[in-house]
Amino acid sequence: MAKNLFRLQTTVLLVGTLFAWFTVYTDFSRFYNLYGSLTRISGCTIPNPVTTPCFYGAFAFLLGFIWSFNILKKVLKDETVVSEQRNLGYLLVAGTLFAWGNFSYELIKYYTATTAVKVSCSGVATNNVFLTSCFYGSVIFLAALIISTVIRKSVLRIKPEAN
């Protein structure tokens, strides 16, 4: 059961990583097709993906996945992972706060927009702010944080090893 939680944590972070990087790739493709450049920052109708929270969230997902994968390898070898899991939890707290903070900002902008066309953080028109990549990324980060917390509170408490 315990090893399955570590596998689940790694899987959720893998899904988050794939989702985030697919979103970043899509944003870069859309931007390049519109402007023919990846370095243009100002004077753009849609934001350069480098300036969006999704770009930075994708790196956080990648770091979390790599970290979780290394923890999983140690768990499968029955090695101690208490401090690594605690530190991964800190990254997931930061990532979750960042993601939900950005989504909250997007939510405020969405509901206070005076124009008929409302856009997401990627600059794409949207009818529902809860169907944006910011929302999905926030949910995936929160799921990973919850799994990490369950691991720390139940699995690692069973055999408290000082690391």
N, C-alpha and C. Protein backbone atom coordinates (compact mmCIF):
# COMPACT_ATOMS: atom_id res chain seq x y z
N MET A 1 0.82 -1.20 0.00
CA MET A 1 0.00 0.00 0.00
C MET A 1 0.86 1.26 0.00
N ALA A 2 1.91 1.27 0.83
CA ALA A 2 2.76 2.46 0.95
C ALA A 2 3.48 2.75 -0.37
N LYS A 3 4.01 1.73 -0.98
CA LYS A 3 4.72 1.93 -2.25
C LYS A 3 3.76 2.42 -3.34
N ASN A 4 2.51 1.99 -3.25
CA ASN A 4 1.53 2.44 -4.23
C ASN A 4 1.26 3.95 -4.10
N LEU A 5 1.31 4.47 -2.89
CA LEU A 5 1.14 5.92 -2.71
C LEU A 5 2.29 6.69 -3.36
N PHE A 6 3.49 6.18 -3.22
CA PHE A 6 4.65 6.81 -3.87
C PHE A 6 4.52 6.73 -5.40
N ARG A 7 4.02 5.59 -5.88
CA ARG A 7 3.78 5.45 -7.33
C ARG A 7 2.71 6.44 -7.79
N LEU A 8 1.65 6.57 -6.99
CA LEU A 8 0.57 7.50 -7.33
C LEU A 8 1.08 8.94 -7.37
N GLN A 9 1.89 9.30 -6.39
CA GLN A 9 2.47 10.64 -6.35
C GLN A 9 3.29 10.91 -7.61
N THR A 10 4.12 9.96 -7.99
CA THR A 10 4.95 10.11 -9.18
C THR A 10 4.09 10.19 -10.44
N THR A 11 3.05 9.39 -10.49
CA THR A 11 2.15 9.39 -11.65
C THR A 11 1.42 10.72 -11.78
N VAL A 12 0.91 11.24 -10.67
CA VAL A 12 0.20 12.53 -10.71
C VAL A 12 1.15 13.63 -11.18
N LEU A 13 2.38 13.61 -10.68
CA LEU A 13 3.35 14.63 -11.11
C LEU A 13 3.76 14.43 -12.57
N LEU A 14 3.80 13.20 -13.04
CA LEU A 14 4.07 12.95 -14.46
C LEU A 14 2.93 13.51 -15.32
N VAL A 15 1.70 13.25 -14.91
CA VAL A 15 0.54 13.78 -15.64
C VAL A 15 0.59 15.31 -15.65
N GLY A 16 0.89 15.91 -14.50
CA GLY A 16 1.01 17.36 -14.43
C GLY A 16 2.10 17.89 -15.33
N THR A 17 3.23 17.21 -15.37
CA THR A 17 4.34 17.62 -16.22
C THR A 17 3.96 17.54 -17.69
N LEU A 18 3.38 16.43 -18.10
CA LEU A 18 2.97 16.28 -19.50
C LEU A 18 1.92 17.31 -19.89
N PHE A 19 0.94 17.52 -19.01
CA PHE A 19 -0.11 18.50 -19.28
C PHE A 19 0.48 19.91 -19.41
N ALA A 20 1.33 20.29 -18.46
CA ALA A 20 1.91 21.64 -18.46
C ALA A 20 2.79 21.87 -19.69
N TRP A 21 3.62 20.90 -20.02
CA TRP A 21 4.51 21.10 -21.17
C TRP A 21 3.75 21.04 -22.49
N PHE A 22 2.67 20.26 -22.56
CA PHE A 22 1.82 20.30 -23.75
C PHE A 22 1.18 21.67 -23.90
N THR A 23 0.73 22.23 -22.78
CA THR A 23 0.14 23.57 -22.80
C THR A 23 1.16 24.61 -23.22
N VAL A 24 2.37 24.52 -22.68
CA VAL A 24 3.43 25.47 -23.05
C VAL A 24 3.77 25.33 -24.53
N TYR A 25 3.87 24.09 -25.01
CA TYR A 25 4.15 23.86 -26.43
C TYR A 25 3.05 24.48 -27.30
N THR A 26 1.80 24.26 -26.93
CA THR A 26 0.67 24.83 -27.67
C THR A 26 0.73 26.35 -27.67
N ASP A 27 1.04 26.93 -26.50
CA ASP A 27 1.15 28.39 -26.41
C ASP A 27 2.28 28.93 -27.29
N PHE A 28 3.43 28.26 -27.27
CA PHE A 28 4.55 28.68 -28.11
C PHE A 28 4.20 28.56 -29.59
N SER A 29 3.53 27.47 -29.96
CA SER A 29 3.13 27.29 -31.37
C SER A 29 2.18 28.39 -31.80
N ARG A 30 1.19 28.68 -30.98
CA ARG A 30 0.22 29.74 -31.30
C ARG A 30 0.93 31.08 -31.42
N PHE A 31 1.84 31.36 -30.50
CA PHE A 31 2.56 32.63 -30.50
C PHE A 31 3.45 32.75 -31.74
N TYR A 32 4.18 31.68 -32.05
CA TYR A 32 5.09 31.71 -33.20
C TYR A 32 4.30 31.84 -34.51
N ASN A 33 3.20 31.13 -34.61
CA ASN A 33 2.38 31.22 -35.83
C ASN A 33 1.82 32.62 -36.03
N LEU A 34 1.56 33.33 -34.94
CA LEU A 34 1.01 34.68 -35.04
C LEU A 34 2.08 35.73 -35.29
N TYR A 35 3.23 35.59 -34.62
CA TYR A 35 4.26 36.64 -34.68
C TYR A 35 5.53 36.24 -35.43
N GLY A 36 5.72 34.96 -35.71
CA GLY A 36 6.92 34.52 -36.43
C GLY A 36 8.19 34.68 -35.62
N SER A 37 8.06 34.79 -34.31
CA SER A 37 9.21 34.99 -33.43
C SER A 37 8.87 34.42 -32.05
N LEU A 38 9.91 33.99 -31.35
CA LEU A 38 9.70 33.53 -29.99
C LEU A 38 10.26 34.52 -28.97
N THR A 39 10.90 35.58 -29.46
CA THR A 39 11.55 36.52 -28.55
C THR A 39 10.78 37.82 -28.35
N ARG A 40 9.74 38.02 -29.11
CA ARG A 40 8.97 39.25 -28.99
C ARG A 40 8.18 39.24 -27.67
N ILE A 41 8.27 40.33 -26.94
CA ILE A 41 7.59 40.40 -25.65
C ILE A 41 6.51 41.49 -25.64
N SER A 42 6.82 42.68 -26.13
CA SER A 42 5.87 43.78 -26.03
C SER A 42 5.08 43.97 -27.32
N GLY A 43 3.92 44.59 -27.19
CA GLY A 43 3.08 44.87 -28.34
C GLY A 43 2.38 43.65 -28.90
N CYS A 44 2.12 42.67 -28.06
CA CYS A 44 1.50 41.43 -28.51
C CYS A 44 0.06 41.33 -28.00
N THR A 45 -0.83 40.83 -28.86
CA THR A 45 -2.21 40.62 -28.43
C THR A 45 -2.31 39.45 -27.46
N ILE A 46 -1.54 38.41 -27.73
CA ILE A 46 -1.47 37.28 -26.79
C ILE A 46 -0.08 37.32 -26.16
N PRO A 47 0.03 36.93 -24.91
CA PRO A 47 1.33 37.03 -24.24
C PRO A 47 2.34 36.00 -24.75
N ASN A 48 3.61 36.40 -24.74
CA ASN A 48 4.67 35.45 -25.03
C ASN A 48 4.63 34.39 -23.93
N PRO A 49 4.64 33.10 -24.26
CA PRO A 49 4.53 32.05 -23.25
C PRO A 49 5.58 32.14 -22.14
N VAL A 50 6.72 32.76 -22.43
CA VAL A 50 7.76 32.92 -21.40
C VAL A 50 7.27 33.83 -20.27
N THR A 51 6.30 34.68 -20.57
CA THR A 51 5.80 35.62 -19.56
C THR A 51 4.56 35.10 -18.83
N THR A 52 4.14 33.88 -19.12
CA THR A 52 2.93 33.34 -18.48
C THR A 52 3.28 32.44 -17.30
N PRO A 53 2.38 32.35 -16.32
CA PRO A 53 2.62 31.47 -15.17
C PRO A 53 2.74 30.00 -15.56
N CYS A 54 2.08 29.60 -16.63
CA CYS A 54 2.12 28.21 -17.04
C CYS A 54 3.54 27.76 -17.39
N PHE A 55 4.30 28.66 -17.98
CA PHE A 55 5.68 28.35 -18.34
C PHE A 55 6.49 27.98 -17.09
N TYR A 56 6.33 28.78 -16.04
CA TYR A 56 7.08 28.53 -14.80
C TYR A 56 6.49 27.35 -14.03
N GLY A 57 5.18 27.18 -14.10
CA GLY A 57 4.55 26.03 -13.48
C GLY A 57 5.01 24.72 -14.11
N ALA A 58 5.28 24.76 -15.42
CA ALA A 58 5.76 23.56 -16.10
C ALA A 58 7.12 23.13 -15.55
N PHE A 59 7.97 24.10 -15.24
CA PHE A 59 9.27 23.77 -14.64
C PHE A 59 9.09 23.21 -13.23
N ALA A 60 8.14 23.75 -12.48
CA ALA A 60 7.88 23.24 -11.13
C ALA A 60 7.37 21.80 -11.21
N PHE A 61 6.47 21.53 -12.15
CA PHE A 61 5.99 20.15 -12.32
C PHE A 61 7.15 19.22 -12.69
N LEU A 62 8.01 19.65 -13.61
CA LEU A 62 9.13 18.82 -14.03
C LEU A 62 10.06 18.53 -12.86
N LEU A 63 10.39 19.55 -12.10
CA LEU A 63 11.24 19.36 -10.92
C LEU A 63 10.58 18.41 -9.92
N GLY A 64 9.29 18.61 -9.67
CA GLY A 64 8.57 17.74 -8.74
C GLY A 64 8.53 16.30 -9.23
N PHE A 65 8.32 16.11 -10.53
CA PHE A 65 8.30 14.75 -11.07
C PHE A 65 9.65 14.07 -10.91
N ILE A 66 10.72 14.75 -11.28
CA ILE A 66 12.06 14.17 -11.16
C ILE A 66 12.36 13.83 -9.70
N TRP A 67 12.02 14.73 -8.81
CA TRP A 67 12.24 14.52 -7.38
C TRP A 67 11.43 13.31 -6.89
N SER A 68 10.17 13.25 -7.27
CA SER A 68 9.31 12.16 -6.86
C SER A 68 9.78 10.83 -7.43
N PHE A 69 10.25 10.85 -8.67
CA PHE A 69 10.76 9.63 -9.30
C PHE A 69 11.98 9.12 -8.54
N ASN A 70 12.88 10.01 -8.14
CA ASN A 70 14.05 9.60 -7.35
C ASN A 70 13.64 9.05 -6.00
N ILE A 71 12.62 9.65 -5.38
CA ILE A 71 12.11 9.13 -4.11
C ILE A 71 11.53 7.73 -4.32
N LEU A 72 10.76 7.56 -5.40
CA LEU A 72 10.16 6.25 -5.69
C LEU A 72 11.24 5.19 -5.88
N LYS A 73 12.31 5.52 -6.57
CA LYS A 73 13.40 4.55 -6.76
C LYS A 73 13.98 4.13 -5.41
N LYS A 74 14.14 5.10 -4.49
CA LYS A 74 14.67 4.77 -3.16
C LYS A 74 13.69 3.92 -2.37
N VAL A 75 12.39 4.25 -2.47
CA VAL A 75 11.38 3.48 -1.75
C VAL A 75 11.36 2.04 -2.25
N LEU A 76 11.48 1.84 -3.54
CA LEU A 76 11.48 0.49 -4.09
C LEU A 76 12.71 -0.31 -3.65
N LYS A 77 13.77 0.39 -3.24
CA LYS A 77 14.97 -0.27 -2.71
C LYS A 77 14.94 -0.31 -1.18
N ASP A 78 13.80 0.09 -0.58
CA ASP A 78 13.61 0.14 0.87
C ASP A 78 14.61 1.06 1.56
N GLU A 79 14.93 2.18 0.92
CA GLU A 79 15.80 3.18 1.52
C GLU A 79 14.95 4.24 2.22
N THR A 80 15.58 4.98 3.11
CA THR A 80 14.92 6.03 3.85
C THR A 80 14.69 7.25 2.96
N VAL A 81 13.48 7.83 3.04
CA VAL A 81 13.15 8.98 2.19
C VAL A 81 12.45 10.10 2.96
N VAL A 82 12.54 10.10 4.28
CA VAL A 82 11.79 11.06 5.09
C VAL A 82 12.13 12.49 4.72
N SER A 83 13.40 12.86 4.69
CA SER A 83 13.75 14.25 4.41
C SER A 83 13.47 14.63 2.96
N GLU A 84 13.70 13.69 2.02
CA GLU A 84 13.41 13.98 0.62
C GLU A 84 11.92 14.23 0.41
N GLN A 85 11.09 13.42 1.05
CA GLN A 85 9.64 13.56 0.92
C GLN A 85 9.18 14.87 1.56
N ARG A 86 9.75 15.22 2.69
CA ARG A 86 9.41 16.49 3.35
C ARG A 86 9.76 17.67 2.44
N ASN A 87 10.94 17.64 1.84
CA ASN A 87 11.36 18.72 0.96
C ASN A 87 10.52 18.78 -0.32
N LEU A 88 10.15 17.63 -0.86
CA LEU A 88 9.24 17.61 -2.01
C LEU A 88 7.90 18.24 -1.61
N GLY A 89 7.47 17.96 -0.40
CA GLY A 89 6.23 18.56 0.10
C GLY A 89 6.31 20.08 0.12
N TYR A 90 7.46 20.62 0.49
CA TYR A 90 7.64 22.08 0.48
C TYR A 90 7.53 22.63 -0.95
N LEU A 91 8.13 21.93 -1.91
CA LEU A 91 8.01 22.35 -3.31
C LEU A 91 6.55 22.31 -3.75
N LEU A 92 5.83 21.27 -3.35
CA LEU A 92 4.43 21.15 -3.74
C LEU A 92 3.56 22.21 -3.08
N VAL A 93 3.89 22.59 -1.85
CA VAL A 93 3.17 23.70 -1.20
C VAL A 93 3.39 24.98 -2.00
N ALA A 94 4.64 25.25 -2.34
CA ALA A 94 4.95 26.46 -3.12
C ALA A 94 4.27 26.42 -4.48
N GLY A 95 4.33 25.28 -5.16
CA GLY A 95 3.70 25.14 -6.47
C GLY A 95 2.19 25.31 -6.40
N THR A 96 1.58 24.75 -5.36
CA THR A 96 0.13 24.87 -5.20
C THR A 96 -0.27 26.31 -4.91
N LEU A 97 0.47 26.98 -4.04
CA LEU A 97 0.17 28.39 -3.76
C LEU A 97 0.34 29.25 -5.01
N PHE A 98 1.41 28.99 -5.76
CA PHE A 98 1.65 29.73 -7.00
C PHE A 98 0.51 29.50 -7.99
N ALA A 99 0.13 28.23 -8.18
CA ALA A 99 -0.91 27.89 -9.16
C ALA A 99 -2.26 28.49 -8.76
N TRP A 100 -2.67 28.31 -7.50
CA TRP A 100 -3.97 28.83 -7.08
C TRP A 100 -3.96 30.35 -7.00
N GLY A 101 -2.81 30.92 -6.69
CA GLY A 101 -2.70 32.39 -6.71
C GLY A 101 -2.90 32.93 -8.11
N ASN A 102 -2.28 32.30 -9.09
CA ASN A 102 -2.44 32.73 -10.48
C ASN A 102 -3.86 32.48 -10.97
N PHE A 103 -4.43 31.35 -10.58
CA PHE A 103 -5.81 31.09 -11.00
C PHE A 103 -6.76 32.10 -10.36
N SER A 104 -6.54 32.45 -9.11
CA SER A 104 -7.38 33.45 -8.45
C SER A 104 -7.29 34.79 -9.16
N TYR A 105 -6.09 35.17 -9.55
CA TYR A 105 -5.91 36.41 -10.31
C TYR A 105 -6.67 36.33 -11.64
N GLU A 106 -6.57 35.19 -12.31
CA GLU A 106 -7.29 35.00 -13.57
C GLU A 106 -8.80 35.05 -13.33
N LEU A 107 -9.26 34.46 -12.25
CA LEU A 107 -10.68 34.46 -11.92
C LEU A 107 -11.19 35.89 -11.69
N ILE A 108 -10.42 36.68 -10.97
CA ILE A 108 -10.80 38.08 -10.72
C ILE A 108 -10.85 38.85 -12.04
N LYS A 109 -9.82 38.68 -12.86
CA LYS A 109 -9.80 39.37 -14.16
C LYS A 109 -10.97 38.93 -15.03
N TYR A 110 -11.30 37.65 -14.98
CA TYR A 110 -12.38 37.11 -15.81
C TYR A 110 -13.72 37.74 -15.42
N TYR A 111 -14.01 37.77 -14.11
CA TYR A 111 -15.32 38.26 -13.68
C TYR A 111 -15.42 39.78 -13.60
N THR A 112 -14.30 40.47 -13.68
CA THR A 112 -14.36 41.94 -13.69
C THR A 112 -14.12 42.52 -15.08
N ALA A 113 -13.92 41.66 -16.08
CA ALA A 113 -13.69 42.14 -17.45
C ALA A 113 -14.95 42.83 -17.98
N THR A 114 -14.74 43.97 -18.60
CA THR A 114 -15.89 44.72 -19.13
C THR A 114 -16.19 44.37 -20.58
N THR A 115 -15.30 43.65 -21.23
CA THR A 115 -15.53 43.28 -22.63
C THR A 115 -16.33 41.98 -22.72
N ALA A 116 -16.92 41.77 -23.86
CA ALA A 116 -17.71 40.54 -24.07
C ALA A 116 -16.79 39.33 -24.21
N VAL A 117 -15.61 39.52 -24.81
CA VAL A 117 -14.66 38.43 -24.99
C VAL A 117 -13.74 38.37 -23.77
N LYS A 118 -13.73 37.23 -23.11
CA LYS A 118 -12.89 37.05 -21.93
C LYS A 118 -11.79 36.06 -22.28
N VAL A 119 -10.58 36.34 -21.80
CA VAL A 119 -9.43 35.52 -22.18
C VAL A 119 -8.81 34.86 -20.96
N SER A 120 -8.14 33.74 -21.22
CA SER A 120 -7.42 33.02 -20.18
C SER A 120 -6.01 33.59 -20.08
N CYS A 121 -5.20 33.02 -19.19
CA CYS A 121 -3.83 33.51 -19.01
C CYS A 121 -2.97 33.27 -20.25
N SER A 122 -3.38 32.36 -21.12
CA SER A 122 -2.65 32.11 -22.36
C SER A 122 -3.05 33.07 -23.47
N GLY A 123 -4.02 33.92 -23.20
CA GLY A 123 -4.48 34.87 -24.20
C GLY A 123 -5.52 34.29 -25.14
N VAL A 124 -6.06 33.14 -24.80
CA VAL A 124 -7.07 32.47 -25.61
C VAL A 124 -8.45 32.83 -25.06
N ALA A 125 -9.39 33.12 -25.96
CA ALA A 125 -10.75 33.42 -25.53
C ALA A 125 -11.36 32.19 -24.85
N THR A 126 -12.11 32.44 -23.78
CA THR A 126 -12.72 31.34 -23.05
C THR A 126 -14.11 31.74 -22.56
N ASN A 127 -14.99 30.76 -22.50
CA ASN A 127 -16.34 30.98 -21.98
C ASN A 127 -16.45 30.59 -20.52
N ASN A 128 -15.49 29.81 -20.05
CA ASN A 128 -15.55 29.30 -18.68
C ASN A 128 -14.14 29.26 -18.11
N VAL A 129 -13.90 30.04 -17.07
CA VAL A 129 -12.57 30.11 -16.47
C VAL A 129 -12.17 28.78 -15.82
N PHE A 130 -13.16 27.94 -15.53
CA PHE A 130 -12.87 26.64 -14.92
C PHE A 130 -12.49 25.57 -15.95
N LEU A 131 -12.40 25.96 -17.21
CA LEU A 131 -11.94 25.05 -18.26
C LEU A 131 -10.60 25.50 -18.83
N THR A 132 -9.85 26.27 -18.07
CA THR A 132 -8.55 26.77 -18.54
C THR A 132 -7.43 25.90 -18.00
N SER A 133 -6.28 26.01 -18.63
CA SER A 133 -5.12 25.24 -18.18
C SER A 133 -4.68 25.67 -16.79
N CYS A 134 -4.89 26.92 -16.44
CA CYS A 134 -4.52 27.38 -15.09
C CYS A 134 -5.31 26.62 -14.02
N PHE A 135 -6.59 26.42 -14.27
CA PHE A 135 -7.41 25.69 -13.30
C PHE A 135 -6.97 24.23 -13.20
N TYR A 136 -6.79 23.58 -14.35
CA TYR A 136 -6.38 22.17 -14.34
C TYR A 136 -5.02 21.99 -13.68
N GLY A 137 -4.07 22.87 -13.98
CA GLY A 137 -2.76 22.78 -13.35
C GLY A 137 -2.85 22.96 -11.84
N SER A 138 -3.70 23.88 -11.40
CA SER A 138 -3.88 24.10 -9.96
C SER A 138 -4.44 22.86 -9.28
N VAL A 139 -5.41 22.22 -9.93
CA VAL A 139 -6.01 21.01 -9.37
C VAL A 139 -4.98 19.88 -9.29
N ILE A 140 -4.16 19.75 -10.32
CA ILE A 140 -3.14 18.68 -10.33
C ILE A 140 -2.10 18.95 -9.24
N PHE A 141 -1.68 20.21 -9.09
CA PHE A 141 -0.74 20.53 -8.01
C PHE A 141 -1.35 20.21 -6.65
N LEU A 142 -2.62 20.57 -6.46
CA LEU A 142 -3.29 20.30 -5.19
C LEU A 142 -3.38 18.80 -4.93
N ALA A 143 -3.70 18.02 -5.96
CA ALA A 143 -3.76 16.57 -5.81
C ALA A 143 -2.40 16.00 -5.39
N ALA A 144 -1.34 16.47 -6.02
CA ALA A 144 0.01 16.00 -5.66
C ALA A 144 0.35 16.39 -4.23
N LEU A 145 -0.05 17.58 -3.81
CA LEU A 145 0.21 18.02 -2.44
C LEU A 145 -0.56 17.16 -1.45
N ILE A 146 -1.80 16.85 -1.75
CA ILE A 146 -2.60 16.00 -0.84
C ILE A 146 -1.97 14.62 -0.72
N ILE A 147 -1.56 14.04 -1.82
CA ILE A 147 -0.91 12.71 -1.80
C ILE A 147 0.38 12.78 -0.99
N SER A 148 1.17 13.83 -1.21
CA SER A 148 2.42 14.00 -0.46
C SER A 148 2.15 14.11 1.04
N THR A 149 1.11 14.82 1.40
CA THR A 149 0.76 14.98 2.81
C THR A 149 0.31 13.66 3.41
N VAL A 150 -0.47 12.89 2.66
CA VAL A 150 -0.90 11.57 3.14
C VAL A 150 0.32 10.68 3.35
N ILE A 151 1.27 10.73 2.43
CA ILE A 151 2.49 9.93 2.57
C ILE A 151 3.23 10.33 3.84
N ARG A 152 3.40 11.62 4.05
CA ARG A 152 4.15 12.09 5.23
C ARG A 152 3.43 11.78 6.53
N LYS A 153 2.11 11.93 6.54
CA LYS A 153 1.35 11.76 7.79
C LYS A 153 1.09 10.30 8.13
N SER A 154 0.89 9.46 7.14
CA SER A 154 0.54 8.07 7.44
C SER A 154 1.69 7.11 7.20
N VAL A 155 2.27 7.12 6.02
CA VAL A 155 3.28 6.13 5.66
C VAL A 155 4.58 6.37 6.40
N LEU A 156 5.08 7.60 6.37
CA LEU A 156 6.39 7.87 6.97
C LEU A 156 6.32 8.00 8.48
N ARG A 157 5.12 8.19 9.03
CA ARG A 157 4.96 8.25 10.48
C ARG A 157 5.04 6.84 11.07
N ILE A 158 4.67 5.84 10.26
CA ILE A 158 4.68 4.46 10.73
C ILE A 158 6.09 4.02 11.11
N LYS A 159 7.06 4.42 10.29
CA LYS A 159 8.45 4.10 10.59
C LYS A 159 9.25 5.39 10.61
N PRO A 160 9.19 6.11 11.73
CA PRO A 160 9.89 7.40 11.81
C PRO A 160 11.40 7.22 11.87
N GLU A 161 12.03 7.49 10.74
CA GLU A 161 13.47 7.37 10.67
C GLU A 161 14.05 8.76 10.55
N ALA A 162 15.02 9.09 11.35
CA ALA A 162 15.66 10.41 11.27
C ALA A 162 16.56 10.43 10.06
N ASN A 163 16.44 11.48 9.30
CA ASN A 163 17.28 11.61 8.11
C ASN A 163 18.05 12.87 8.17
